[in-house]
Amino acid sequence: MEQRLAALERVVEARAEGQVRMQQQLQILLDEVSELRGVTETHSYQLDEIVQRQRDIYQEIDRRVSAVQGTASTAAPSAAQPATSGPAVMVSGNISETDAYDKAVNMVLKDRRYDAAIPEFETFLRTYPNSVYAPNAHYWLGQLLFNNSELAKAKTQFERVVNNFADSNKVADALLKLGQIAERENDKATAVTHYRKLTSAHGSTTAARLAKERLEALK
């Protein structure tokens, strides 16, 4: 009996040790999975940022091409008409406004002087608050501030796009940024609200697709 009891004790101890080892291995695997998930989410976020920047650049190129085409289409008729002081002043004003905006944008796209572009956009918005470029300028300024981790200031600029320029094609992108800011601030509820608003009102946009991915990740 004693031998049997001793044998059973050894079996029980062996099984207990095996279970402990299995639990330790399982915990290690869970930790590795958690770490990999965090790395994946980080990479996904960084990829979203790259896609967002590329989309901004493409949209800006399209805007410039459209502006050049529009100028070319109106140049011939205006040349055929006698010059008057009224139209001349208007054209001069438009060129000045466009040049000021292009100067700020070129600091980002061409010169990559991101910090210098911030006061340039701020000056543009103070000088031309009702410009047709205002929603884009607010968005660019918000993006630059976002990249500098100045989240409160960036949030203000994106909110102005959403609240003051409802017809702008930058609203969808601004909502996506507001959601990302809320995530960085660990405000999941607000992030979900922005993403749902984006997918509901701008479902066909690339920004909406990215918002859907974030909503899935936040479940």
Protein backbone atom coordinates (compact mmCIF):
# COMPACT_ATOMS: atom_id res chain seq x y z
CA MET A 1 0.00 0.00 0.00
CA GLU A 2 2.78 2.39 0.90
CA GLN A 3 4.50 1.71 -2.38
CA ARG A 4 1.28 2.26 -4.27
CA LEU A 5 0.60 5.50 -2.42
CA ALA A 6 4.14 6.67 -3.12
CA ALA A 7 3.73 5.83 -6.79
CA LEU A 8 0.42 7.69 -6.95
CA GLU A 9 1.98 10.70 -5.25
CA ARG A 10 4.77 10.70 -7.81
CA VAL A 11 2.22 10.52 -10.62
CA VAL A 12 0.19 13.37 -9.13
CA GLU A 13 3.29 15.49 -8.62
CA ALA A 14 4.44 14.81 -12.18
CA ARG A 15 1.05 15.81 -13.54
CA ALA A 16 1.00 18.95 -11.40
CA GLU A 17 4.43 19.93 -12.61
CA GLY A 18 3.34 19.28 -16.19
CA GLN A 19 0.28 21.49 -15.75
CA VAL A 20 2.43 24.27 -14.29
CA ARG A 21 4.80 24.05 -17.24
CA MET A 22 1.87 24.10 -19.69
CA GLN A 23 0.39 27.15 -17.98
CA GLN A 24 3.73 28.92 -18.13
CA GLN A 25 4.11 28.10 -21.82
CA LEU A 26 0.55 29.21 -22.48
CA GLN A 27 1.19 32.52 -20.73
CA ILE A 28 4.33 33.04 -22.78
CA LEU A 29 2.36 32.40 -25.97
CA LEU A 30 -0.37 34.81 -24.88
CA ASP A 31 2.23 37.48 -24.16
CA GLU A 32 3.80 36.97 -27.57
CA VAL A 33 0.41 37.19 -29.30
CA SER A 34 -0.40 40.38 -27.41
CA GLU A 35 2.95 41.88 -28.38
CA LEU A 36 2.47 40.91 -32.03
CA ARG A 37 -1.01 42.40 -32.00
CA GLY A 38 0.38 45.67 -30.67
CA VAL A 39 3.07 45.71 -33.37
CA THR A 40 0.46 44.99 -36.04
CA GLU A 41 -1.77 47.83 -34.84
CA THR A 42 1.20 50.19 -34.82
CA HIS A 43 2.15 49.22 -38.36
CA SER A 44 -1.47 49.57 -39.47
CA TYR A 45 -1.65 53.04 -37.97
CA GLN A 46 1.61 54.08 -39.63
CA LEU A 47 0.38 52.74 -42.96
CA ASP A 48 -2.83 54.74 -42.57
CA GLU A 49 -0.72 57.84 -42.00
CA ILE A 50 1.29 57.22 -45.17
CA VAL A 51 -1.86 56.61 -47.22
CA GLN A 52 -3.39 59.79 -45.79
CA ARG A 53 -0.37 61.90 -46.74
CA GLN A 54 -0.24 60.46 -50.24
CA ARG A 55 -3.93 61.19 -50.71
CA ASP A 56 -3.40 64.78 -49.56
CA ILE A 57 -0.60 65.23 -52.06
CA TYR A 58 -2.64 63.76 -54.93
CA GLN A 59 -5.62 65.95 -54.08
CA GLU A 60 -3.40 69.01 -53.98
CA ILE A 61 -1.94 68.13 -57.37
CA ASP A 62 -5.46 67.72 -58.79
CA ARG A 63 -6.46 71.08 -57.35
CA ARG A 64 -3.49 72.79 -58.93
CA VAL A 65 -4.07 71.16 -62.31
CA SER A 66 -7.73 72.24 -62.19
CA ALA A 67 -6.70 75.77 -61.26
CA VAL A 68 -4.25 75.93 -64.17
CA GLN A 69 -6.86 74.58 -66.59
CA GLY A 70 -9.41 77.08 -65.31
CA THR A 71 -6.98 79.95 -65.76
CA ALA A 72 -6.16 78.81 -69.28
CA SER A 73 -9.85 78.58 -70.26
CA THR A 74 -10.59 82.13 -69.07
CA ALA A 75 -7.41 83.76 -70.32
CA ALA A 76 -8.43 84.03 -74.01
CA PRO A 77 -11.87 85.67 -73.47
CA SER A 78 -10.47 88.14 -70.96
CA ALA A 79 -7.70 89.13 -73.36
CA ALA A 80 -10.26 89.94 -76.05
CA GLN A 81 -12.10 92.37 -73.77
CA PRO A 82 -10.91 95.91 -73.03
CA ALA A 83 -9.17 96.18 -69.68
CA THR A 84 -10.98 97.99 -66.90
CA SER A 85 -9.90 98.94 -63.43
CA GLY A 86 -12.54 96.75 -61.72
CA PRO A 87 -11.59 93.35 -63.18
CA ALA A 88 -7.89 94.15 -62.90
CA VAL A 89 -8.18 94.66 -59.16
CA MET A 90 -10.19 91.44 -58.80
CA VAL A 91 -7.65 89.39 -60.75
CA SER A 92 -4.80 90.88 -58.77
CA GLY A 93 -6.54 89.99 -55.53
CA ASN A 94 -7.16 86.41 -56.65
CA ILE A 95 -3.55 85.94 -57.70
CA SER A 96 -2.33 87.28 -54.37
CA GLU A 97 -4.63 84.92 -52.49
CA THR A 98 -3.61 81.94 -54.62
CA ASP A 99 0.07 82.78 -54.35
CA ALA A 100 -0.19 83.03 -50.57
CA TYR A 101 -1.84 79.62 -50.38
CA ASP A 102 0.59 78.03 -52.82
CA LYS A 103 3.52 79.40 -50.86
CA ALA A 104 2.30 77.65 -47.72
CA VAL A 105 1.57 74.39 -49.54
CA ASN A 106 4.93 74.39 -51.31
CA MET A 107 6.65 74.58 -47.95
CA VAL A 108 5.11 71.18 -47.23
CA LEU A 109 5.18 69.43 -50.60
CA LYS A 110 8.38 70.80 -52.11
CA ASP A 111 10.60 72.23 -49.40
CA ARG A 112 9.48 69.91 -46.57
CA ARG A 113 9.79 72.83 -44.16
CA TYR A 114 6.95 71.60 -42.01
CA ASP A 115 7.53 73.82 -38.98
CA ALA A 116 7.87 76.92 -41.17
CA ALA A 117 4.63 76.03 -42.96
CA ILE A 118 2.59 76.28 -39.75
CA PRO A 119 2.83 80.10 -39.32
CA GLU A 120 2.46 80.45 -43.10
CA PHE A 121 -0.95 78.72 -43.03
CA GLU A 122 -1.93 80.67 -39.91
CA THR A 123 -1.11 83.94 -41.67
CA PHE A 124 -3.05 82.86 -44.76
CA LEU A 125 -6.16 82.06 -42.69
CA ARG A 126 -6.00 85.38 -40.85
CA THR A 127 -5.62 87.26 -44.13
CA TYR A 128 -8.16 85.25 -46.17
CA PRO A 129 -10.62 83.71 -43.67
CA ASN A 130 -13.31 83.34 -46.37
CA SER A 131 -11.01 82.02 -49.08
CA VAL A 132 -12.06 79.07 -51.23
CA TYR A 133 -8.84 77.51 -49.97
CA ALA A 134 -9.79 78.01 -46.30
CA PRO A 135 -11.01 74.43 -45.61
CA ASN A 136 -7.86 72.99 -47.21
CA ALA A 137 -5.68 75.45 -45.28
CA HIS A 138 -7.34 74.49 -41.98
CA TYR A 139 -6.84 70.83 -42.80
CA TRP A 140 -3.18 71.24 -43.77
CA LEU A 141 -2.55 73.26 -40.61
CA GLY A 142 -4.28 70.59 -38.52
CA GLN A 143 -2.18 67.87 -40.17
CA LEU A 144 1.07 69.72 -39.43
CA LEU A 145 0.08 70.25 -35.81
CA PHE A 146 -1.01 66.61 -35.56
CA ASN A 147 2.40 65.48 -36.80
CA ASN A 148 3.97 67.63 -34.07
CA SER A 149 1.74 65.93 -31.48
CA GLU A 150 0.03 69.26 -30.74
CA LEU A 151 -3.27 67.43 -30.54
CA ALA A 152 -5.42 70.16 -28.96
CA LYS A 153 -4.47 72.70 -31.64
CA ALA A 154 -4.83 70.12 -34.41
CA LYS A 155 -8.27 69.18 -33.09
CA THR A 156 -9.39 72.83 -33.33
CA GLN A 157 -8.39 73.03 -37.00
CA PHE A 158 -10.09 69.76 -37.97
CA GLU A 159 -13.25 70.79 -36.09
CA ARG A 160 -13.34 74.02 -38.07
CA VAL A 161 -13.27 72.05 -41.30
CA VAL A 162 -16.16 69.85 -40.15
CA ASN A 163 -18.27 72.61 -38.58
CA ASN A 164 -17.65 75.53 -40.95
CA PHE A 165 -17.17 73.89 -44.34
CA ALA A 166 -19.72 71.10 -44.56
CA ASP A 167 -19.52 70.97 -48.37
CA SER A 168 -15.73 70.62 -48.49
CA ASN A 169 -14.19 67.35 -49.64
CA LYS A 170 -11.85 67.63 -46.65
CA VAL A 171 -14.64 66.94 -44.13
CA ALA A 172 -14.24 63.16 -44.39
CA ASP A 173 -10.48 63.36 -43.83
CA ALA A 174 -10.97 65.80 -40.95
CA LEU A 175 -13.40 63.41 -39.24
CA LEU A 176 -10.87 60.60 -39.61
CA LYS A 177 -8.23 62.77 -37.95
CA LEU A 178 -10.58 63.70 -35.12
CA GLY A 179 -11.13 60.00 -34.50
CA GLN A 180 -7.38 59.36 -34.46
CA ILE A 181 -6.83 62.23 -32.03
CA ALA A 182 -9.51 60.81 -29.72
CA GLU A 183 -7.76 57.42 -29.87
CA ARG A 184 -4.45 59.00 -28.92
CA GLU A 185 -6.19 60.65 -26.00
CA ASN A 186 -7.60 57.25 -24.97
CA ASP A 187 -11.15 58.53 -25.57
CA LYS A 188 -12.61 55.46 -27.27
CA ALA A 189 -16.22 56.67 -27.14
CA THR A 190 -15.45 59.92 -28.96
CA ALA A 191 -13.30 58.12 -31.51
CA VAL A 192 -16.14 55.70 -32.28
CA THR A 193 -18.57 58.64 -32.63
CA HIS A 194 -16.33 60.36 -35.21
CA TYR A 195 -15.72 57.14 -37.14
CA ARG A 196 -19.42 56.27 -37.26
CA LYS A 197 -20.31 59.77 -38.43
CA LEU A 198 -17.68 59.47 -41.13
CA THR A 199 -18.84 56.07 -42.39
CA SER A 200 -22.46 57.19 -42.31
CA ALA A 201 -22.09 60.51 -44.14
CA HIS A 202 -19.11 59.75 -46.39
CA GLY A 203 -19.28 56.01 -46.88
CA SER A 204 -17.73 55.95 -50.37
CA THR A 205 -14.50 57.70 -49.39
CA THR A 206 -11.13 56.18 -48.60
CA ALA A 207 -11.32 57.88 -45.20
CA ALA A 208 -14.52 55.95 -44.47
CA ARG A 209 -12.80 52.66 -45.31
CA LEU A 210 -10.02 53.48 -42.87
CA ALA A 211 -12.63 54.47 -40.27
CA LYS A 212 -14.35 51.09 -40.65
CA GLU A 213 -11.05 49.36 -40.00
CA ARG A 214 -10.55 51.41 -36.84
CA LEU A 215 -14.08 50.61 -35.67
CA GLU A 216 -13.34 46.91 -36.04
CA ALA A 217 -10.11 47.31 -34.08
CA LEU A 218 -11.90 49.18 -31.29
CA LYS A 219 -14.56 46.51 -30.72
